[in-house]
Amino acid sequence: MSGRDGTEWRKPVIVGEDVKPFMKEEHIYPPEYEGHFDGVMITCAEIHERIQQLATLIHTDYKGIRPVLVCTLKGASPFYIHLSDALKEIRQGFDMEFVRASSYEGTATSGQVEFVGELKMNSLQGRHILLIEDIVDTGTTLSALIPMLQQQGNPAGVEVCSLLDKRLEVKKYEAKYVGFSIPNKFVIGYGLDYEELYRDLKDIFVISQLGISFDASTLHK
């Protein structure tokens, strides 16, 4: 922290282009994922340290305000759980809502956003919304979700807290709170999936070609 104002914490942690090599003995993962990692993007220890910093920033900015934390399912759920725990520890009150949105097909964004389930819009009127995201890349999901919340929910304000921000030349949306700025690589783990696999990993990895070509149906026989 820079002094006591948190200036340094407001900048995302920059993850370099050269990701850390995968060292099998340093990570816990299901045996069916053997060979599915090309490298380590961010460890669980680094994630939890950064979450504490983000919680402190949110607490500072929302002093005297009880925001509505809206978790975007499924990917953001681990981040949401640990961030909300960190906010509880510093006595920051909040309310909870959930929305399920998706714009991915395989390893690329489809450009089309699908919303599943029903968000209670009447509970958002006049409230300060903090959207909790796993990753912002093109910003396609947020560029659809935020206008919907503003038009149908009529909140006092909408901000975004994202664990990851992918460094791309063209983006439709920038989050206010960002945990890590990462290179343009497809990442998995800590809620982030490929074809619904890898959400059950503690760390964040770069997926290998073996992981991409893996037949998930073999796990359910």
C-alpha atoms as a PDB file:
ATOM      1  CA  MET A   1       0.000   0.000   0.000  1.00  0.00           C
ATOM      2  CA  SER A   2       1.215   3.515  -0.796  1.00  0.00           C
ATOM      3  CA  GLY A   3       0.957   5.256   2.564  1.00  0.00           C
ATOM      4  CA  ARG A   4      -2.582   4.687   3.823  1.00  0.00           C
ATOM      5  CA  ASP A   5      -4.544   5.716   0.731  1.00  0.00           C
ATOM      6  CA  GLY A   6      -4.149   2.483  -1.229  1.00  0.00           C
ATOM      7  CA  THR A   7      -2.860   4.231  -4.363  1.00  0.00           C
ATOM      8  CA  GLU A   8      -0.639   1.330  -5.404  1.00  0.00           C
ATOM      9  CA  TRP A   9      -3.406  -1.193  -4.833  1.00  0.00           C
ATOM     10  CA  ARG A  10      -5.637   0.596  -7.360  1.00  0.00           C
ATOM     11  CA  LYS A  11      -3.359  -0.537 -10.161  1.00  0.00           C
ATOM     12  CA  PRO A  12      -3.724  -4.180 -11.249  1.00  0.00           C
ATOM     13  CA  VAL A  13      -0.868  -6.566 -10.639  1.00  0.00           C
ATOM     14  CA  ILE A  14       0.847  -7.020 -14.003  1.00  0.00           C
ATOM     15  CA  VAL A  15       1.474 -10.629 -15.036  1.00  0.00           C
ATOM     16  CA  GLY A  16       4.222 -10.839 -17.651  1.00  0.00           C
ATOM     17  CA  GLU A  17       4.020 -12.449 -21.072  1.00  0.00           C
ATOM     18  CA  ASP A  18       6.330 -15.280 -19.992  1.00  0.00           C
ATOM     19  CA  VAL A  19       4.227 -17.323 -17.585  1.00  0.00           C
ATOM     20  CA  LYS A  20       5.768 -19.461 -14.871  1.00  0.00           C
ATOM     21  CA  PRO A  21       6.612 -23.066 -15.827  1.00  0.00           C
ATOM     22  CA  PHE A  22       4.324 -25.753 -14.452  1.00  0.00           C
ATOM     23  CA  MET A  23       5.969 -27.691 -11.623  1.00  0.00           C
ATOM     24  CA  LYS A  24       3.834 -30.720 -10.838  1.00  0.00           C
ATOM     25  CA  GLU A  25       4.924 -31.055  -7.200  1.00  0.00           C
ATOM     26  CA  GLU A  26       3.846 -27.475  -6.397  1.00  0.00           C
ATOM     27  CA  HIS A  27       0.165 -27.804  -7.336  1.00  0.00           C
ATOM     28  CA  ILE A  28      -2.883 -29.807  -6.308  1.00  0.00           C
ATOM     29  CA  TYR A  29      -5.221 -30.942  -9.085  1.00  0.00           C
ATOM     30  CA  PRO A  30      -7.385 -33.931 -10.062  1.00  0.00           C
ATOM     31  CA  PRO A  31      -5.415 -36.729 -11.774  1.00  0.00           C
ATOM     32  CA  GLU A  32      -7.592 -36.525 -14.892  1.00  0.00           C
ATOM     33  CA  TYR A  33      -6.009 -33.130 -15.635  1.00  0.00           C
ATOM     34  CA  GLU A  34      -2.509 -34.545 -16.006  1.00  0.00           C
ATOM     35  CA  GLY A  35      -0.735 -32.848 -18.915  1.00  0.00           C
ATOM     36  CA  HIS A  36      -3.421 -30.201 -19.355  1.00  0.00           C
ATOM     37  CA  PHE A  37      -1.290 -27.210 -18.254  1.00  0.00           C
ATOM     38  CA  ASP A  38       1.175 -25.208 -20.355  1.00  0.00           C
ATOM     39  CA  GLY A  39       2.181 -22.936 -17.483  1.00  0.00           C
ATOM     40  CA  VAL A  40       1.094 -21.221 -14.276  1.00  0.00           C
ATOM     41  CA  MET A  41      -0.482 -17.799 -14.615  1.00  0.00           C
ATOM     42  CA  ILE A  42      -1.320 -17.006 -10.960  1.00  0.00           C
ATOM     43  CA  THR A  43      -1.040 -19.100  -7.786  1.00  0.00           C
ATOM     44  CA  CYS A  44      -3.769 -19.375  -5.175  1.00  0.00           C
ATOM     45  CA  ALA A  45      -1.523 -17.573  -2.650  1.00  0.00           C
ATOM     46  CA  GLU A  46      -1.176 -14.622  -5.042  1.00  0.00           C
ATOM     47  CA  ILE A  47      -4.925 -14.604  -5.636  1.00  0.00           C
ATOM     48  CA  HIS A  48      -5.805 -14.469  -1.946  1.00  0.00           C
ATOM     49  CA  GLU A  49      -3.267 -11.738  -1.219  1.00  0.00           C
ATOM     50  CA  ARG A  50      -4.687  -9.599  -4.000  1.00  0.00           C
ATOM     51  CA  ILE A  51      -8.264 -10.220  -2.835  1.00  0.00           C
ATOM     52  CA  GLN A  52      -7.410  -8.740   0.564  1.00  0.00           C
ATOM     53  CA  GLN A  53      -6.153  -5.606  -1.172  1.00  0.00           C
ATOM     54  CA  LEU A  54      -9.270  -5.327  -3.350  1.00  0.00           C
ATOM     55  CA  ALA A  55     -11.519  -5.750  -0.319  1.00  0.00           C
ATOM     56  CA  THR A  56      -9.724  -2.891   1.424  1.00  0.00           C
ATOM     57  CA  LEU A  57     -10.180  -0.636  -1.611  1.00  0.00           C
ATOM     58  CA  ILE A  58     -13.875  -1.472  -1.851  1.00  0.00           C
ATOM     59  CA  HIS A  59     -14.339  -0.829   1.854  1.00  0.00           C
ATOM     60  CA  THR A  60     -12.655   2.563   1.480  1.00  0.00           C
ATOM     61  CA  ASP A  61     -14.781   3.569  -1.509  1.00  0.00           C
ATOM     62  CA  TYR A  62     -18.084   2.292  -0.091  1.00  0.00           C
ATOM     63  CA  LYS A  63     -17.746   3.731   3.390  1.00  0.00           C
ATOM     64  CA  GLY A  64     -21.242   4.294   4.726  1.00  0.00           C
ATOM     65  CA  ILE A  65     -22.771   2.510   1.696  1.00  0.00           C
ATOM     66  CA  ARG A  66     -24.169  -0.996   1.563  1.00  0.00           C
ATOM     67  CA  PRO A  67     -23.562  -2.162  -2.042  1.00  0.00           C
ATOM     68  CA  VAL A  68     -25.268  -5.025  -3.826  1.00  0.00           C
ATOM     69  CA  LEU A  69     -22.636  -7.544  -4.906  1.00  0.00           C
ATOM     70  CA  VAL A  70     -23.852  -9.202  -8.117  1.00  0.00           C
ATOM     71  CA  CYS A  71     -21.922 -12.377  -8.888  1.00  0.00           C
ATOM     72  CA  THR A  72     -21.728 -13.409 -12.554  1.00  0.00           C
ATOM     73  CA  LEU A  73     -22.020 -17.187 -12.568  1.00  0.00           C
ATOM     74  CA  LYS A  74     -20.408 -19.585 -12.895  1.00  0.00           C
ATOM     75  CA  GLY A  75     -16.886 -18.344 -13.380  1.00  0.00           C
ATOM     76  CA  ALA A  76     -16.767 -15.622 -10.744  1.00  0.00           C
ATOM     77  CA  SER A  77     -18.116 -17.770  -7.898  1.00  0.00           C
ATOM     78  CA  PRO A  78     -14.766 -18.652  -6.205  1.00  0.00           C
ATOM     79  CA  PHE A  79     -13.626 -15.022  -6.453  1.00  0.00           C
ATOM     80  CA  TYR A  80     -17.001 -13.858  -5.133  1.00  0.00           C
ATOM     81  CA  ILE A  81     -16.845 -16.216  -2.157  1.00  0.00           C
ATOM     82  CA  HIS A  82     -13.341 -15.203  -1.110  1.00  0.00           C
ATOM     83  CA  LEU A  83     -13.916 -11.485  -1.753  1.00  0.00           C
ATOM     84  CA  SER A  84     -17.131 -11.493   0.275  1.00  0.00           C
ATOM     85  CA  ASP A  85     -15.312 -13.295   3.109  1.00  0.00           C
ATOM     86  CA  ALA A  86     -12.614 -10.605   3.050  1.00  0.00           C
ATOM     87  CA  LEU A  87     -15.262  -7.878   3.177  1.00  0.00           C
ATOM     88  CA  LYS A  88     -16.928  -9.557   6.139  1.00  0.00           C
ATOM     89  CA  GLU A  89     -13.625  -9.562   8.021  1.00  0.00           C
ATOM     90  CA  ILE A  90     -13.366  -5.786   7.701  1.00  0.00           C
ATOM     91  CA  ARG A  91     -17.041  -5.268   8.556  1.00  0.00           C
ATOM     92  CA  GLN A  92     -18.204  -4.072   5.151  1.00  0.00           C
ATOM     93  CA  GLY A  93     -21.915  -4.745   4.764  1.00  0.00           C
ATOM     94  CA  PHE A  94     -23.389  -5.822   1.441  1.00  0.00           C
ATOM     95  CA  ASP A  95     -26.352  -7.563  -0.156  1.00  0.00           C
ATOM     96  CA  MET A  96     -26.124 -10.459  -2.610  1.00  0.00           C
ATOM     97  CA  GLU A  97     -27.550 -11.171  -6.053  1.00  0.00           C
ATOM     98  CA  PHE A  98     -26.551 -13.564  -8.832  1.00  0.00           C
ATOM     99  CA  VAL A  99     -26.755 -13.580 -12.609  1.00  0.00           C
ATOM    100  CA  ARG A 100     -25.567 -16.183 -15.088  1.00  0.00           C
ATOM    101  CA  ALA A 101     -24.124 -14.843 -18.317  1.00  0.00           C
ATOM    102  CA  SER A 102     -21.979 -16.369 -21.040  1.00  0.00           C
ATOM    103  CA  SER A 103     -20.374 -15.193 -24.281  1.00  0.00           C
ATOM    104  CA  TYR A 104     -17.860 -18.015 -24.839  1.00  0.00           C
ATOM    105  CA  GLU A 105     -17.812 -20.933 -27.233  1.00  0.00           C
ATOM    106  CA  GLY A 106     -14.663 -22.986 -26.696  1.00  0.00           C
ATOM    107  CA  THR A 107     -11.653 -20.673 -26.372  1.00  0.00           C
ATOM    108  CA  ALA A 108     -13.172 -17.671 -28.184  1.00  0.00           C
ATOM    109  CA  THR A 109     -15.909 -15.202 -27.347  1.00  0.00           C
ATOM    110  CA  SER A 110     -19.005 -15.701 -29.484  1.00  0.00           C
ATOM    111  CA  GLY A 111     -19.980 -12.036 -29.498  1.00  0.00           C
ATOM    112  CA  GLN A 112     -23.459 -13.051 -28.307  1.00  0.00           C
ATOM    113  CA  VAL A 113     -24.398 -12.868 -24.634  1.00  0.00           C
ATOM    114  CA  GLU A 114     -26.801 -15.327 -23.052  1.00  0.00           C
ATOM    115  CA  PHE A 115     -28.455 -14.631 -19.690  1.00  0.00           C
ATOM    116  CA  VAL A 116     -29.878 -17.527 -17.696  1.00  0.00           C
ATOM    117  CA  GLY A 117     -32.021 -17.204 -14.582  1.00  0.00           C
ATOM    118  CA  GLU A 118     -33.822 -14.192 -13.175  1.00  0.00           C
ATOM    119  CA  LEU A 119     -32.179 -11.275 -11.383  1.00  0.00           C
ATOM    120  CA  LYS A 120     -34.493  -9.419  -8.979  1.00  0.00           C
ATOM    121  CA  MET A 121     -34.403  -6.016 -10.644  1.00  0.00           C
ATOM    122  CA  ASN A 122     -36.713  -4.412  -8.088  1.00  0.00           C
ATOM    123  CA  SER A 123     -34.093  -5.047  -5.412  1.00  0.00           C
ATOM    124  CA  LEU A 124     -31.567  -2.914  -7.316  1.00  0.00           C
ATOM    125  CA  GLN A 125     -33.509   0.342  -7.558  1.00  0.00           C
ATOM    126  CA  GLY A 126     -31.507   3.212  -6.115  1.00  0.00           C
ATOM    127  CA  ARG A 127     -28.738   0.861  -4.966  1.00  0.00           C
ATOM    128  CA  HIS A 128     -25.007   0.844  -5.670  1.00  0.00           C
ATOM    129  CA  ILE A 129     -24.208  -2.297  -7.678  1.00  0.00           C
ATOM    130  CA  LEU A 130     -20.789  -3.926  -7.705  1.00  0.00           C
ATOM    131  CA  LEU A 131     -20.576  -6.600 -10.406  1.00  0.00           C
ATOM    132  CA  ILE A 132     -18.129  -9.362  -9.508  1.00  0.00           C
ATOM    133  CA  GLU A 133     -16.460 -10.840 -12.607  1.00  0.00           C
ATOM    134  CA  ASP A 134     -13.855 -13.534 -13.151  1.00  0.00           C
ATOM    135  CA  ILE A 135     -12.279 -11.999 -16.271  1.00  0.00           C
ATOM    136  CA  VAL A 136     -12.730  -9.052 -18.616  1.00  0.00           C
ATOM    137  CA  ASP A 137     -11.371  -9.647 -22.112  1.00  0.00           C
ATOM    138  CA  THR A 138     -13.323  -8.070 -24.973  1.00  0.00           C
ATOM    139  CA  GLY A 139     -15.931  -6.752 -22.525  1.00  0.00           C
ATOM    140  CA  THR A 140     -18.777  -8.271 -24.555  1.00  0.00           C
ATOM    141  CA  THR A 141     -20.635  -9.665 -21.540  1.00  0.00           C
ATOM    142  CA  LEU A 142     -20.376  -6.435 -19.548  1.00  0.00           C
ATOM    143  CA  SER A 143     -21.380  -4.250 -22.502  1.00  0.00           C
ATOM    144  CA  ALA A 144     -24.671  -6.177 -22.571  1.00  0.00           C
ATOM    145  CA  LEU A 145     -25.181  -6.744 -18.845  1.00  0.00           C
ATOM    146  CA  ILE A 146     -24.521  -3.231 -17.551  1.00  0.00           C
ATOM    147  CA  PRO A 147     -27.062  -1.458 -19.806  1.00  0.00           C
ATOM    148  CA  MET A 148     -29.615  -4.099 -18.860  1.00  0.00           C
ATOM    149  CA  LEU A 149     -29.028  -3.434 -15.163  1.00  0.00           C
ATOM    150  CA  GLN A 150     -29.176   0.325 -15.663  1.00  0.00           C
ATOM    151  CA  GLN A 151     -32.371   0.246 -17.700  1.00  0.00           C
ATOM    152  CA  GLN A 152     -34.303  -2.398 -15.803  1.00  0.00           C
ATOM    153  CA  GLY A 153     -32.899  -1.994 -12.300  1.00  0.00           C
ATOM    154  CA  ASN A 154     -32.543   1.804 -12.156  1.00  0.00           C
ATOM    155  CA  PRO A 155     -29.609   1.638  -9.679  1.00  0.00           C
ATOM    156  CA  ALA A 156     -27.706   4.573  -8.212  1.00  0.00           C
ATOM    157  CA  GLY A 157     -24.551   3.298  -9.904  1.00  0.00           C
ATOM    158  CA  VAL A 158     -22.848   0.250 -11.406  1.00  0.00           C
ATOM    159  CA  GLU A 159     -19.165  -0.611 -11.035  1.00  0.00           C
ATOM    160  CA  VAL A 160     -17.205  -3.778 -11.834  1.00  0.00           C
ATOM    161  CA  CYS A 161     -14.646  -5.705  -9.809  1.00  0.00           C
ATOM    162  CA  SER A 162     -12.854  -8.300 -11.941  1.00  0.00           C
ATOM    163  CA  LEU A 163     -10.180 -10.709 -10.802  1.00  0.00           C
ATOM    164  CA  LEU A 164      -8.523 -10.691 -14.235  1.00  0.00           C
ATOM    165  CA  ASP A 165      -8.233  -8.243 -17.101  1.00  0.00           C
ATOM    166  CA  LYS A 166      -6.835  -9.573 -20.379  1.00  0.00           C
ATOM    167  CA  ARG A 167      -4.561  -7.199 -22.273  1.00  0.00           C
ATOM    168  CA  LEU A 168      -6.286  -6.744 -25.643  1.00  0.00           C
ATOM    169  CA  GLU A 169      -6.103  -3.836 -28.067  1.00  0.00           C
ATOM    170  CA  VAL A 170      -9.871  -3.530 -28.418  1.00  0.00           C
ATOM    171  CA  LYS A 171     -12.097  -3.616 -25.330  1.00  0.00           C
ATOM    172  CA  LYS A 172     -15.732  -2.670 -24.892  1.00  0.00           C
ATOM    173  CA  TYR A 173     -15.502  -2.155 -21.134  1.00  0.00           C
ATOM    174  CA  GLU A 174     -12.920  -1.444 -18.416  1.00  0.00           C
ATOM    175  CA  ALA A 175     -13.481  -2.529 -14.805  1.00  0.00           C
ATOM    176  CA  LYS A 176     -12.911  -0.108 -11.911  1.00  0.00           C
ATOM    177  CA  TYR A 177     -11.326  -2.743  -9.668  1.00  0.00           C
ATOM    178  CA  VAL A 178      -8.941  -5.249 -11.274  1.00  0.00           C
ATOM    179  CA  GLY A 179      -6.903  -7.923  -9.546  1.00  0.00           C
ATOM    180  CA  PHE A 180      -4.440  -8.909 -12.275  1.00  0.00           C
ATOM    181  CA  SER A 181      -3.635  -7.721 -15.788  1.00  0.00           C
ATOM    182  CA  ILE A 182      -2.780 -10.816 -17.828  1.00  0.00           C
ATOM    183  CA  PRO A 183      -1.452 -11.511 -21.340  1.00  0.00           C
ATOM    184  CA  ASN A 184      -3.696 -12.714 -24.141  1.00  0.00           C
ATOM    185  CA  LYS A 185      -3.643 -16.407 -23.258  1.00  0.00           C
ATOM    186  CA  PHE A 186      -6.531 -18.762 -22.554  1.00  0.00           C
ATOM    187  CA  VAL A 187      -6.559 -19.428 -18.816  1.00  0.00           C
ATOM    188  CA  ILE A 188      -8.338 -22.008 -16.687  1.00  0.00           C
ATOM    189  CA  GLY A 189      -8.828 -22.668 -12.986  1.00  0.00           C
ATOM    190  CA  TYR A 190     -10.271 -20.855  -9.974  1.00  0.00           C
ATOM    191  CA  GLY A 191     -13.709 -20.811 -11.597  1.00  0.00           C
ATOM    192  CA  LEU A 192     -12.482 -20.300 -15.151  1.00  0.00           C
ATOM    193  CA  ASP A 193     -13.402 -23.179 -17.430  1.00  0.00           C
ATOM    194  CA  TYR A 194     -12.938 -24.754 -20.811  1.00  0.00           C
ATOM    195  CA  GLU A 195     -16.010 -26.774 -21.818  1.00  0.00           C
ATOM    196  CA  GLU A 196     -17.075 -26.785 -18.120  1.00  0.00           C
ATOM    197  CA  LEU A 197     -13.817 -28.374 -16.914  1.00  0.00           C
ATOM    198  CA  TYR A 198     -11.094 -26.879 -14.685  1.00  0.00           C
ATOM    199  CA  ARG A 199     -13.323 -24.732 -12.472  1.00  0.00           C
ATOM    200  CA  ASP A 200     -12.211 -26.999  -9.592  1.00  0.00           C
ATOM    201  CA  LEU A 201      -8.578 -25.836  -9.593  1.00  0.00           C
ATOM    202  CA  LYS A 202      -7.054 -23.682  -6.856  1.00  0.00           C
ATOM    203  CA  ASP A 203      -4.582 -21.914  -9.142  1.00  0.00           C
ATOM    204  CA  ILE A 204      -4.925 -20.281 -12.567  1.00  0.00           C
ATOM    205  CA  PHE A 205      -3.126 -22.020 -15.435  1.00  0.00           C
ATOM    206  CA  VAL A 206      -2.608 -21.663 -19.176  1.00  0.00           C
ATOM    207  CA  ILE A 207      -4.358 -24.564 -20.870  1.00  0.00           C
ATOM    208  CA  SER A 208      -2.334 -26.962 -23.030  1.00  0.00           C
ATOM    209  CA  GLN A 209      -3.344 -28.450 -26.366  1.00  0.00           C
ATOM    210  CA  LEU A 210      -4.005 -31.734 -24.579  1.00  0.00           C
ATOM    211  CA  GLY A 211      -6.429 -29.930 -22.302  1.00  0.00           C
ATOM    212  CA  ILE A 212      -8.210 -28.353 -25.262  1.00  0.00           C
ATOM    213  CA  SER A 213      -8.573 -31.677 -27.096  1.00  0.00           C
ATOM    214  CA  PHE A 214      -9.539 -33.685 -23.977  1.00  0.00           C
ATOM    215  CA  ASP A 215     -12.886 -35.508 -24.233  1.00  0.00           C
ATOM    216  CA  ALA A 216     -14.761 -34.551 -21.068  1.00  0.00           C
ATOM    217  CA  SER A 217     -17.436 -37.186 -21.694  1.00  0.00           C
ATOM    218  CA  THR A 218     -14.942 -39.864 -20.619  1.00  0.00           C
ATOM    219  CA  LEU A 219     -15.182 -38.578 -17.045  1.00  0.00           C
ATOM    220  CA  HIS A 220     -18.887 -39.287 -16.684  1.00  0.00           C
ATOM    221  CA  LYS A 221     -19.025 -42.965 -17.572  1.00  0.00           C
END
